[in-house]
Amino acid sequence: MDGVLNINKPAGMTSHDVVNKLRWILKEKKVGHTGTLDPDATGVLLICLGKATRIMEYLQDHEKTYEGTVILGVATDTLDSKGKILSVCESNNFDHGRIRGVFHSFKGEIKQIPPMVSAIKVQGKRLYELAREGKTVNRDPRPVEIYDLEIISIYEGKADRVDPSMLFTKIDFQVRCSKGTYVRSLAADIGNALGYGAHLSRLVRTKSGGFDLRDSISLEDIKNDPEIAFCAIKSIDEALSFMPVITLTKLAGERFLNGGFIYSSGIADYHKEFQKGKITRVHDEARNFLGICEAVESNTMPLDPKTVICKTLKVLK
């Protein structure tokens, strides 16, 4: 079984739990995920099966879209609703115009300090392992990009584990961002910019690259009928449809399958322009997917037939 499943991850499971569950249900040894979701987060989790585990790095590089909720006035050590409460400050009747202005200021390239509960390695250990030991270490800020950040609604409500008589400003939002963005850090940074502690109380990934939550399937459905997975799985070629594609002649296709270079004379056709350094899908003349290559020349200029235009990266036929 080779391909990619778009799973709607349920709350209460780690991304690795989902992998283990599907490995057992589908009797497939090679299973991996791209783009880790926190246990309490839900939404799009891409699961690669069989040969598709070899393209995971290309799928996780793409932008993601999330919907979430920020609670102003309650700060936690994990920046989400499960952490130890560090401070509480009632935040009702907050100026909506000021909130919108701060949200707008976070669009574009920003720098984030990874939270202590993240999987980044420092001194040979993952940060969340150090956090479990009660340790805090210095982390360097990392650049990420916020392509879009929109407020869905602003309202007042209560917060879990806090005096029920207190009211807090809650903000439902949608963010489209680059890979590596920590939405919980974004929520906390927005709170700090507003002069309040804040945390992320809800997170749903609605898109990951070309995969949408509306097209996802649940683990429960697959458990009840594994055939659903076979019907829903996207081929490796479909999963990589964002890449340009070249069509090779029969001889060039054979050379590619043996790991050889692709010469200009071996290209029968191409779809979309591809530039030097870009990763490109490879088809044969019958439109069968063969694998992926890296362009070493651009196809926007006349080339000598003996010019090497691509090198083989992965044979996936």
Foldseek 3Di string as FASTA:
>chain_A
DFFKAWAWAAAQDWLVRVQVLCCVLVVFDDKDWADTDPRRATATIIMGGDLRVVCRVVQNFFKFKKKFKKWWFWAFLQQEQPGHTDGGDFAPPPDPVVLVVLQVVQAFKDWFFDRLCAQDDDPRHGSNVCVVVVDDDDGDIDIWHWHDKAWPDWDKAAGPPDPRVGITIMTIMMTIIGRPDDVSRVSQVSSVVVVTGMGIHYMYTQDRVPDGRVLHDYSVVCNVPVVVCVVSGDHSCRSVVVFWEFEFEPVQLVCLLVFHFHFQLGTPDIDDWDAAQGKYWYAYPVRHTFAIWGFNHTPPDDDDRRHGGTGHDDGRD
